[in-house]
N, C-alpha and C. Protein backbone atom coordinates (compact mmCIF):
# COMPACT_ATOMS: atom_id res chain seq x y z
N UNK A 1 -28.68 -12.67 -11.20
CA UNK A 1 -29.56 -11.82 -11.95
C UNK A 1 -29.17 -10.38 -11.64
N UNK A 2 -29.10 -9.58 -12.65
CA UNK A 2 -28.79 -8.17 -12.49
C UNK A 2 -30.01 -7.35 -12.86
N UNK A 3 -30.17 -6.22 -12.20
CA UNK A 3 -31.21 -5.28 -12.58
C UNK A 3 -30.56 -3.93 -12.81
N UNK A 4 -31.18 -3.13 -13.62
CA UNK A 4 -30.68 -1.79 -13.88
C UNK A 4 -31.63 -0.79 -13.22
N UNK A 5 -31.03 0.17 -12.56
CA UNK A 5 -31.77 1.23 -11.91
C UNK A 5 -31.28 2.57 -12.41
N UNK A 6 -32.20 3.54 -12.44
CA UNK A 6 -31.76 4.90 -12.73
C UNK A 6 -30.96 5.39 -11.53
N UNK A 7 -30.27 6.50 -11.67
CA UNK A 7 -29.52 7.05 -10.54
C UNK A 7 -30.46 7.38 -9.39
N UNK A 8 -31.63 7.92 -9.72
CA UNK A 8 -32.61 8.28 -8.70
C UNK A 8 -33.12 7.02 -7.98
N UNK A 9 -33.43 5.98 -8.74
CA UNK A 9 -33.91 4.73 -8.14
C UNK A 9 -32.83 4.11 -7.25
N UNK A 10 -31.60 4.14 -7.74
CA UNK A 10 -30.48 3.59 -6.97
C UNK A 10 -30.31 4.34 -5.66
N UNK A 11 -30.33 5.66 -5.71
CA UNK A 11 -30.17 6.46 -4.51
C UNK A 11 -31.30 6.19 -3.52
N UNK A 12 -32.50 6.04 -4.03
CA UNK A 12 -33.66 5.76 -3.17
C UNK A 12 -33.52 4.38 -2.53
N UNK A 13 -33.12 3.38 -3.31
CA UNK A 13 -32.94 2.03 -2.78
C UNK A 13 -31.85 2.01 -1.72
N UNK A 14 -30.75 2.70 -1.96
CA UNK A 14 -29.65 2.76 -1.00
C UNK A 14 -30.11 3.43 0.30
N UNK A 15 -30.82 4.54 0.18
CA UNK A 15 -31.29 5.27 1.36
C UNK A 15 -32.25 4.40 2.19
N UNK A 16 -33.19 3.74 1.54
CA UNK A 16 -34.15 2.90 2.25
C UNK A 16 -33.45 1.69 2.87
N UNK A 17 -32.50 1.10 2.14
CA UNK A 17 -31.78 -0.05 2.68
C UNK A 17 -30.99 0.34 3.92
N UNK A 18 -30.29 1.47 3.85
CA UNK A 18 -29.52 1.91 5.01
C UNK A 18 -30.44 2.20 6.18
N UNK A 19 -31.60 2.80 5.91
CA UNK A 19 -32.55 3.10 6.98
C UNK A 19 -33.11 1.82 7.60
N UNK A 20 -33.11 0.75 6.82
CA UNK A 20 -33.59 -0.55 7.32
C UNK A 20 -32.46 -1.38 7.92
N UNK A 21 -31.24 -0.86 7.85
CA UNK A 21 -30.11 -1.59 8.36
C UNK A 21 -29.70 -2.77 7.49
N UNK A 22 -29.93 -2.64 6.18
CA UNK A 22 -29.64 -3.74 5.25
C UNK A 22 -28.80 -3.21 4.10
N UNK A 23 -28.23 -4.16 3.35
CA UNK A 23 -27.58 -3.78 2.10
C UNK A 23 -28.67 -3.57 1.05
N UNK A 24 -28.41 -2.77 0.01
CA UNK A 24 -29.42 -2.59 -1.04
C UNK A 24 -29.87 -3.92 -1.66
N UNK A 25 -28.94 -4.84 -1.89
CA UNK A 25 -29.29 -6.13 -2.49
C UNK A 25 -30.25 -6.92 -1.60
N UNK A 26 -29.94 -6.96 -0.30
CA UNK A 26 -30.83 -7.69 0.62
C UNK A 26 -32.17 -6.99 0.78
N UNK A 27 -32.17 -5.69 0.74
CA UNK A 27 -33.42 -4.93 0.84
C UNK A 27 -34.33 -5.26 -0.35
N UNK A 28 -33.75 -5.25 -1.54
CA UNK A 28 -34.52 -5.57 -2.76
C UNK A 28 -35.00 -7.03 -2.71
N UNK A 29 -34.13 -7.96 -2.29
CA UNK A 29 -34.53 -9.37 -2.16
C UNK A 29 -35.73 -9.53 -1.25
N UNK A 30 -35.68 -8.84 -0.13
CA UNK A 30 -36.77 -8.94 0.84
C UNK A 30 -38.09 -8.50 0.21
N UNK A 31 -38.06 -7.39 -0.51
CA UNK A 31 -39.28 -6.91 -1.15
C UNK A 31 -39.77 -7.88 -2.22
N UNK A 32 -38.86 -8.36 -3.04
CA UNK A 32 -39.22 -9.27 -4.13
C UNK A 32 -39.82 -10.57 -3.60
N UNK A 33 -39.20 -11.16 -2.59
CA UNK A 33 -39.64 -12.47 -2.14
C UNK A 33 -40.73 -12.47 -1.07
N UNK A 34 -40.90 -11.37 -0.37
CA UNK A 34 -41.97 -11.32 0.63
C UNK A 34 -43.10 -10.40 0.22
N UNK A 35 -42.83 -9.50 -0.71
CA UNK A 35 -43.84 -8.53 -1.11
C UNK A 35 -44.04 -7.43 -0.09
N UNK A 36 -43.16 -7.37 0.91
CA UNK A 36 -43.28 -6.36 1.97
C UNK A 36 -41.99 -5.56 2.08
N UNK A 37 -42.15 -4.30 2.43
CA UNK A 37 -40.99 -3.47 2.68
C UNK A 37 -40.44 -3.80 4.07
N UNK A 38 -39.12 -3.93 4.19
CA UNK A 38 -38.55 -4.16 5.52
C UNK A 38 -38.83 -2.97 6.42
N UNK A 39 -39.00 -3.20 7.71
CA UNK A 39 -39.26 -2.07 8.62
C UNK A 39 -38.05 -1.15 8.68
N UNK A 40 -38.32 0.15 8.80
CA UNK A 40 -37.26 1.13 8.91
C UNK A 40 -36.74 1.15 10.34
N UNK A 41 -35.45 1.14 10.46
CA UNK A 41 -34.83 1.31 11.77
C UNK A 41 -34.59 2.80 11.99
N UNK A 42 -34.23 3.51 10.93
CA UNK A 42 -34.02 4.94 10.96
C UNK A 42 -34.62 5.52 9.68
N UNK A 43 -35.07 6.74 9.75
CA UNK A 43 -35.49 7.39 8.52
C UNK A 43 -34.24 7.64 7.67
N UNK A 44 -34.39 7.80 6.35
CA UNK A 44 -33.20 8.08 5.53
C UNK A 44 -32.42 9.29 6.01
N UNK A 45 -33.11 10.31 6.52
CA UNK A 45 -32.43 11.52 7.02
C UNK A 45 -31.66 11.18 8.29
N UNK A 46 -32.30 10.43 9.19
CA UNK A 46 -31.61 10.05 10.43
C UNK A 46 -30.39 9.19 10.13
N UNK A 47 -30.50 8.29 9.17
CA UNK A 47 -29.37 7.43 8.81
C UNK A 47 -28.23 8.29 8.27
N UNK A 48 -28.53 9.27 7.43
CA UNK A 48 -27.48 10.14 6.87
C UNK A 48 -26.84 10.96 7.99
N UNK A 49 -27.64 11.46 8.91
CA UNK A 49 -27.09 12.23 10.01
C UNK A 49 -26.23 11.35 10.91
N UNK A 50 -26.66 10.12 11.13
CA UNK A 50 -25.87 9.18 11.92
C UNK A 50 -24.51 8.94 11.28
N UNK A 51 -24.50 8.71 9.95
CA UNK A 51 -23.23 8.49 9.26
C UNK A 51 -22.32 9.71 9.38
N UNK A 52 -22.90 10.91 9.27
CA UNK A 52 -22.11 12.13 9.38
C UNK A 52 -21.56 12.29 10.80
N UNK A 53 -22.39 12.02 11.80
CA UNK A 53 -21.92 12.10 13.18
C UNK A 53 -20.81 11.08 13.44
N UNK A 54 -20.94 9.89 12.88
CA UNK A 54 -19.91 8.87 13.03
C UNK A 54 -18.60 9.34 12.41
N UNK A 55 -18.68 9.95 11.22
CA UNK A 55 -17.48 10.47 10.55
C UNK A 55 -16.82 11.55 11.40
N UNK A 56 -17.63 12.43 11.97
CA UNK A 56 -17.09 13.50 12.82
C UNK A 56 -16.42 12.90 14.05
N UNK A 57 -17.06 11.88 14.65
CA UNK A 57 -16.49 11.24 15.82
C UNK A 57 -15.14 10.61 15.53
N UNK A 58 -15.02 9.95 14.38
CA UNK A 58 -13.76 9.33 13.98
C UNK A 58 -12.69 10.43 13.82
N UNK A 59 -13.04 11.53 13.16
CA UNK A 59 -12.09 12.62 12.98
C UNK A 59 -11.65 13.19 14.32
N UNK A 60 -12.61 13.39 15.22
CA UNK A 60 -12.27 13.94 16.55
C UNK A 60 -11.34 13.00 17.31
N UNK A 61 -11.60 11.70 17.22
CA UNK A 61 -10.73 10.73 17.89
C UNK A 61 -9.32 10.77 17.34
N UNK A 62 -9.20 10.89 16.02
CA UNK A 62 -7.87 10.96 15.40
C UNK A 62 -7.14 12.22 15.81
N UNK A 63 -7.84 13.34 15.84
CA UNK A 63 -7.23 14.61 16.22
C UNK A 63 -6.80 14.55 17.69
N UNK A 64 -7.69 14.03 18.54
CA UNK A 64 -7.37 13.93 19.97
C UNK A 64 -6.14 13.05 20.20
N UNK A 65 -6.07 11.97 19.48
CA UNK A 65 -4.90 11.07 19.60
C UNK A 65 -3.61 11.81 19.25
N UNK A 66 -3.64 12.57 18.18
CA UNK A 66 -2.44 13.29 17.77
C UNK A 66 -2.09 14.41 18.74
N UNK A 67 -3.11 15.06 19.29
CA UNK A 67 -2.83 16.09 20.30
C UNK A 67 -2.17 15.45 21.53
N UNK A 68 -2.68 14.28 21.94
CA UNK A 68 -2.10 13.59 23.09
C UNK A 68 -0.67 13.17 22.84
N UNK A 69 -0.29 12.99 21.58
CA UNK A 69 1.10 12.68 21.22
C UNK A 69 1.94 13.94 21.08
N UNK A 70 1.33 15.09 21.38
CA UNK A 70 1.99 16.40 21.27
C UNK A 70 2.27 16.77 19.81
N UNK A 71 1.44 16.31 18.91
CA UNK A 71 1.55 16.65 17.49
C UNK A 71 0.48 17.68 17.17
N UNK A 72 0.89 18.79 16.61
CA UNK A 72 -0.04 19.84 16.27
C UNK A 72 0.17 20.27 14.82
N UNK A 73 -0.21 19.44 13.87
CA UNK A 73 -0.01 19.78 12.45
C UNK A 73 -0.85 20.99 12.01
N UNK A 74 -0.37 21.64 10.98
CA UNK A 74 -1.04 22.83 10.45
C UNK A 74 -2.46 22.54 9.97
N UNK A 75 -2.70 21.31 9.49
CA UNK A 75 -4.02 21.01 8.94
C UNK A 75 -5.10 20.92 10.00
N UNK A 76 -4.74 20.98 11.27
CA UNK A 76 -5.76 20.91 12.32
C UNK A 76 -6.75 22.06 12.21
N UNK A 77 -6.28 23.24 11.85
CA UNK A 77 -7.20 24.38 11.71
C UNK A 77 -8.23 24.09 10.64
N UNK A 78 -7.81 23.58 9.50
CA UNK A 78 -8.74 23.27 8.42
C UNK A 78 -9.72 22.18 8.87
N UNK A 79 -9.22 21.18 9.60
CA UNK A 79 -10.08 20.12 10.10
C UNK A 79 -11.09 20.65 11.11
N UNK A 80 -10.66 21.58 11.95
CA UNK A 80 -11.57 22.18 12.91
C UNK A 80 -12.68 22.93 12.21
N UNK A 81 -12.34 23.69 11.17
CA UNK A 81 -13.34 24.43 10.41
C UNK A 81 -14.31 23.47 9.73
N UNK A 82 -13.78 22.40 9.14
CA UNK A 82 -14.64 21.41 8.48
C UNK A 82 -15.59 20.75 9.46
N UNK A 83 -15.07 20.37 10.62
CA UNK A 83 -15.92 19.74 11.64
C UNK A 83 -16.97 20.71 12.18
N UNK A 84 -16.60 21.97 12.35
CA UNK A 84 -17.56 22.98 12.81
C UNK A 84 -18.67 23.14 11.80
N UNK A 85 -18.34 23.20 10.50
CA UNK A 85 -19.35 23.34 9.46
C UNK A 85 -20.27 22.11 9.43
N UNK A 86 -19.69 20.92 9.60
CA UNK A 86 -20.49 19.70 9.61
C UNK A 86 -21.44 19.69 10.80
N UNK A 87 -20.94 20.08 11.97
CA UNK A 87 -21.79 20.13 13.15
C UNK A 87 -22.91 21.16 13.00
N UNK A 88 -22.58 22.32 12.41
CA UNK A 88 -23.62 23.33 12.16
C UNK A 88 -24.69 22.79 11.22
N UNK A 89 -24.27 22.07 10.17
CA UNK A 89 -25.22 21.49 9.23
C UNK A 89 -26.15 20.50 9.92
N UNK A 90 -25.56 19.64 10.74
CA UNK A 90 -26.35 18.63 11.44
C UNK A 90 -27.32 19.29 12.42
N UNK A 91 -26.85 20.26 13.16
CA UNK A 91 -27.72 20.98 14.10
C UNK A 91 -28.89 21.62 13.37
N UNK A 92 -28.59 22.24 12.23
CA UNK A 92 -29.64 22.87 11.45
C UNK A 92 -30.65 21.83 10.93
N UNK A 93 -30.13 20.68 10.47
CA UNK A 93 -31.01 19.62 9.97
C UNK A 93 -31.88 19.05 11.08
N UNK A 94 -31.31 18.90 12.26
CA UNK A 94 -32.07 18.36 13.38
C UNK A 94 -33.13 19.31 13.90
N UNK A 95 -32.88 20.60 13.78
CA UNK A 95 -33.81 21.59 14.33
C UNK A 95 -34.71 22.20 13.26
N UNK A 96 -34.53 21.81 12.03
CA UNK A 96 -35.32 22.35 10.93
C UNK A 96 -36.76 21.87 11.04
N UNK A 97 -37.69 22.77 10.72
CA UNK A 97 -39.10 22.38 10.70
C UNK A 97 -39.57 22.08 9.29
N UNK A 98 -38.62 21.96 8.37
CA UNK A 98 -38.96 21.64 6.99
C UNK A 98 -39.29 22.85 6.14
N UNK A 99 -39.31 24.03 6.76
CA UNK A 99 -39.60 25.25 6.03
C UNK A 99 -38.31 25.79 5.44
N UNK A 100 -38.42 26.48 4.28
CA UNK A 100 -37.22 27.08 3.69
C UNK A 100 -36.66 28.17 4.59
N UNK A 101 -35.34 28.40 4.48
CA UNK A 101 -34.69 29.44 5.28
C UNK A 101 -35.32 30.78 4.99
N UNK A 102 -35.49 31.58 6.02
CA UNK A 102 -36.02 32.93 5.89
C UNK A 102 -34.93 33.96 6.00
N UNK A 103 -33.66 33.51 6.06
CA UNK A 103 -32.56 34.43 6.30
C UNK A 103 -31.91 34.80 5.06
């Protein structure tokens, strides 16, 4: 059986499923057959931050490996800038009180 979702509904289902540690299909099945929402393991924001931190960790491991091999490609500077921006974003998200920026 297939169902159609709007882009907004799909994004919401994916976010909730990830926060519950499930696939979207299994998350929807659980709701349909039990009538209950699966418990959240992480909030959707925490899940997104976790995925971003995991991505950063993978990049850092790859860069460290290449440095240990004495390889210093030119793209490292761009990767460092990208990782710094990602870390700044995460830090801001973690410390945000939900109020709009005043700066």
